[in-house]
Amino acid sequence: MTLDLPDDELASSEEFERTLGRVLLSALAGDTDPRGSWVYRTDGGGPDLEVMVVELEDQSGDD
């Protein structure tokens, strides 16, 4: 499975959001539940980070 992630740094918030969206949708398609807390350790290449993924309430208005 290929994610088609950029080879270089993300230059904008929009690029980051698009890439994050592809990662999340790929996880869901691969039966990996992305919800919850994820810790990313950079091994000294930058700050260690924690990311929280929370499913939002459906805003479609369908009951």
N, C-alpha and C. Protein backbone atom coordinates (compact mmCIF):
# COMPACT_ATOMS: atom_id res chain seq x y z
N MET A 1 0.84 -1.18 0.00
CA MET A 1 0.00 0.00 0.00
C MET A 1 0.89 1.24 0.00
N THR A 2 0.59 2.16 -0.91
CA THR A 2 1.34 3.40 -1.01
C THR A 2 0.48 4.56 -0.56
N LEU A 3 1.04 5.41 0.29
CA LEU A 3 0.29 6.55 0.81
C LEU A 3 0.41 7.79 -0.06
N ASP A 4 1.40 7.83 -0.96
CA ASP A 4 1.61 9.02 -1.77
C ASP A 4 1.93 10.23 -0.91
N LEU A 5 2.80 10.04 0.07
CA LEU A 5 3.20 11.14 0.94
C LEU A 5 4.27 11.98 0.26
N PRO A 6 4.33 13.26 0.58
CA PRO A 6 5.35 14.11 -0.04
C PRO A 6 6.75 13.70 0.39
N ASP A 7 7.71 13.83 -0.53
CA ASP A 7 9.10 13.48 -0.24
C ASP A 7 9.83 14.61 0.50
N ASP A 8 9.29 15.80 0.45
CA ASP A 8 9.95 16.93 1.09
C ASP A 8 9.06 17.49 2.20
N GLU A 9 9.49 18.57 2.78
CA GLU A 9 8.74 19.18 3.88
C GLU A 9 7.42 19.75 3.38
N LEU A 10 6.44 19.75 4.26
CA LEU A 10 5.15 20.36 3.94
C LEU A 10 5.29 21.87 4.08
N ALA A 11 4.86 22.60 3.06
CA ALA A 11 5.09 24.04 3.03
C ALA A 11 3.94 24.86 3.58
N SER A 12 2.81 24.22 3.88
CA SER A 12 1.67 25.00 4.36
C SER A 12 0.77 24.14 5.25
N SER A 13 -0.07 24.81 5.99
CA SER A 13 -1.06 24.11 6.82
C SER A 13 -2.00 23.29 5.96
N GLU A 14 -2.33 23.81 4.78
CA GLU A 14 -3.23 23.10 3.88
C GLU A 14 -2.60 21.78 3.41
N GLU A 15 -1.31 21.80 3.06
CA GLU A 15 -0.61 20.58 2.65
C GLU A 15 -0.56 19.58 3.80
N PHE A 16 -0.30 20.08 5.01
CA PHE A 16 -0.28 19.21 6.18
C PHE A 16 -1.64 18.55 6.38
N GLU A 17 -2.71 19.34 6.28
CA GLU A 17 -4.06 18.81 6.49
C GLU A 17 -4.43 17.78 5.43
N ARG A 18 -4.08 18.04 4.17
CA ARG A 18 -4.35 17.06 3.10
C ARG A 18 -3.59 15.76 3.35
N THR A 19 -2.32 15.87 3.74
CA THR A 19 -1.51 14.68 4.00
C THR A 19 -2.04 13.91 5.20
N LEU A 20 -2.40 14.62 6.26
CA LEU A 20 -2.98 13.98 7.44
C LEU A 20 -4.27 13.26 7.06
N GLY A 21 -5.10 13.89 6.25
CA GLY A 21 -6.34 13.26 5.80
C GLY A 21 -6.08 11.97 5.05
N ARG A 22 -5.08 11.97 4.17
CA ARG A 22 -4.74 10.74 3.43
C ARG A 22 -4.28 9.64 4.38
N VAL A 23 -3.49 10.00 5.39
CA VAL A 23 -3.01 9.01 6.37
C VAL A 23 -4.18 8.43 7.15
N LEU A 24 -5.09 9.29 7.62
CA LEU A 24 -6.24 8.82 8.40
C LEU A 24 -7.15 7.93 7.56
N LEU A 25 -7.46 8.35 6.33
CA LEU A 25 -8.32 7.53 5.47
C LEU A 25 -7.66 6.21 5.11
N SER A 26 -6.36 6.21 4.91
CA SER A 26 -5.63 4.98 4.62
C SER A 26 -5.68 4.03 5.81
N ALA A 27 -5.56 4.57 7.02
CA ALA A 27 -5.66 3.74 8.23
C ALA A 27 -7.03 3.10 8.31
N LEU A 28 -8.08 3.88 8.09
CA LEU A 28 -9.44 3.34 8.15
C LEU A 28 -9.65 2.28 7.08
N ALA A 29 -9.15 2.51 5.87
CA ALA A 29 -9.29 1.54 4.79
C ALA A 29 -8.54 0.25 5.10
N GLY A 30 -7.47 0.35 5.88
CA GLY A 30 -6.68 -0.83 6.24
C GLY A 30 -7.09 -1.45 7.56
N ASP A 31 -8.30 -1.13 8.04
CA ASP A 31 -8.83 -1.68 9.29
C ASP A 31 -7.99 -1.33 10.51
N THR A 32 -7.34 -0.17 10.48
CA THR A 32 -6.63 0.35 11.64
C THR A 32 -7.44 1.52 12.18
N ASP A 33 -7.84 1.44 13.43
CA ASP A 33 -8.63 2.50 14.04
C ASP A 33 -7.68 3.61 14.48
N PRO A 34 -7.73 4.78 13.83
CA PRO A 34 -6.79 5.85 14.18
C PRO A 34 -7.20 6.64 15.42
N ARG A 35 -8.40 6.38 15.96
CA ARG A 35 -8.87 7.15 17.12
C ARG A 35 -8.03 6.83 18.35
N GLY A 36 -7.82 7.86 19.16
CA GLY A 36 -7.08 7.69 20.40
C GLY A 36 -5.82 8.53 20.40
N SER A 37 -4.95 8.20 21.33
CA SER A 37 -3.71 8.93 21.53
C SER A 37 -2.56 8.21 20.84
N TRP A 38 -1.77 8.95 20.08
CA TRP A 38 -0.61 8.40 19.38
C TRP A 38 0.62 9.21 19.78
N VAL A 39 1.69 8.53 20.16
CA VAL A 39 2.94 9.19 20.54
C VAL A 39 3.93 8.98 19.40
N TYR A 40 4.56 10.07 18.99
CA TYR A 40 5.59 10.02 17.95
C TYR A 40 6.90 10.50 18.55
N ARG A 41 7.88 9.61 18.59
CA ARG A 41 9.21 9.94 19.12
C ARG A 41 10.15 10.18 17.94
N THR A 42 10.83 11.31 17.95
CA THR A 42 11.69 11.69 16.83
C THR A 42 13.13 11.22 16.99
N ASP A 43 13.45 10.59 18.11
CA ASP A 43 14.82 10.13 18.37
C ASP A 43 15.84 11.26 18.21
N GLY A 44 15.49 12.43 18.72
CA GLY A 44 16.42 13.55 18.70
C GLY A 44 16.33 14.43 17.46
N GLY A 45 15.51 14.04 16.47
CA GLY A 45 15.39 14.83 15.24
C GLY A 45 14.44 15.99 15.36
N GLY A 46 13.85 16.17 16.51
CA GLY A 46 12.87 17.23 16.74
C GLY A 46 12.15 16.91 18.03
N PRO A 47 11.12 17.67 18.34
CA PRO A 47 10.40 17.41 19.59
C PRO A 47 9.55 16.15 19.50
N ASP A 48 9.47 15.41 20.59
CA ASP A 48 8.54 14.28 20.66
C ASP A 48 7.13 14.85 20.75
N LEU A 49 6.18 14.17 20.11
CA LEU A 49 4.82 14.70 20.02
C LEU A 49 3.79 13.65 20.42
N GLU A 50 2.67 14.11 20.93
CA GLU A 50 1.51 13.26 21.15
C GLU A 50 0.37 13.84 20.32
N VAL A 51 -0.32 12.97 19.59
CA VAL A 51 -1.43 13.38 18.74
C VAL A 51 -2.68 12.67 19.22
N MET A 52 -3.78 13.41 19.32
CA MET A 52 -5.05 12.83 19.73
C MET A 52 -6.01 12.89 18.55
N VAL A 53 -6.58 11.73 18.19
CA VAL A 53 -7.56 11.66 17.11
C VAL A 53 -8.91 11.35 17.73
N VAL A 54 -9.87 12.26 17.54
CA VAL A 54 -11.21 12.12 18.11
C VAL A 54 -12.21 12.19 16.97
N GLU A 55 -13.13 11.23 16.92
CA GLU A 55 -14.17 11.25 15.89
C GLU A 55 -15.18 12.34 16.22
N LEU A 56 -15.49 13.17 15.24
CA LEU A 56 -16.44 14.26 15.43
C LEU A 56 -17.86 13.76 15.24
N GLU A 57 -18.79 14.46 15.88
CA GLU A 57 -20.21 14.15 15.72
C GLU A 57 -20.62 14.46 14.29
N ASP A 58 -21.48 13.62 13.72
CA ASP A 58 -21.97 13.82 12.36
C ASP A 58 -22.72 15.14 12.27
N GLN A 59 -22.35 15.98 11.33
CA GLN A 59 -22.97 17.30 11.16
C GLN A 59 -23.96 17.34 10.01
N SER A 60 -24.32 16.18 9.44
CA SER A 60 -25.17 16.16 8.25
C SER A 60 -26.61 16.53 8.54
N GLY A 61 -27.06 16.41 9.79
CA GLY A 61 -28.43 16.73 10.14
C GLY A 61 -29.38 15.57 9.95
N ASP A 62 -28.87 14.43 9.45
CA ASP A 62 -29.71 13.24 9.29
C ASP A 62 -29.92 12.57 10.63
N ASP A 63 -31.16 12.26 10.96
CA ASP A 63 -31.45 11.57 12.22
C ASP A 63 -31.78 10.13 11.99
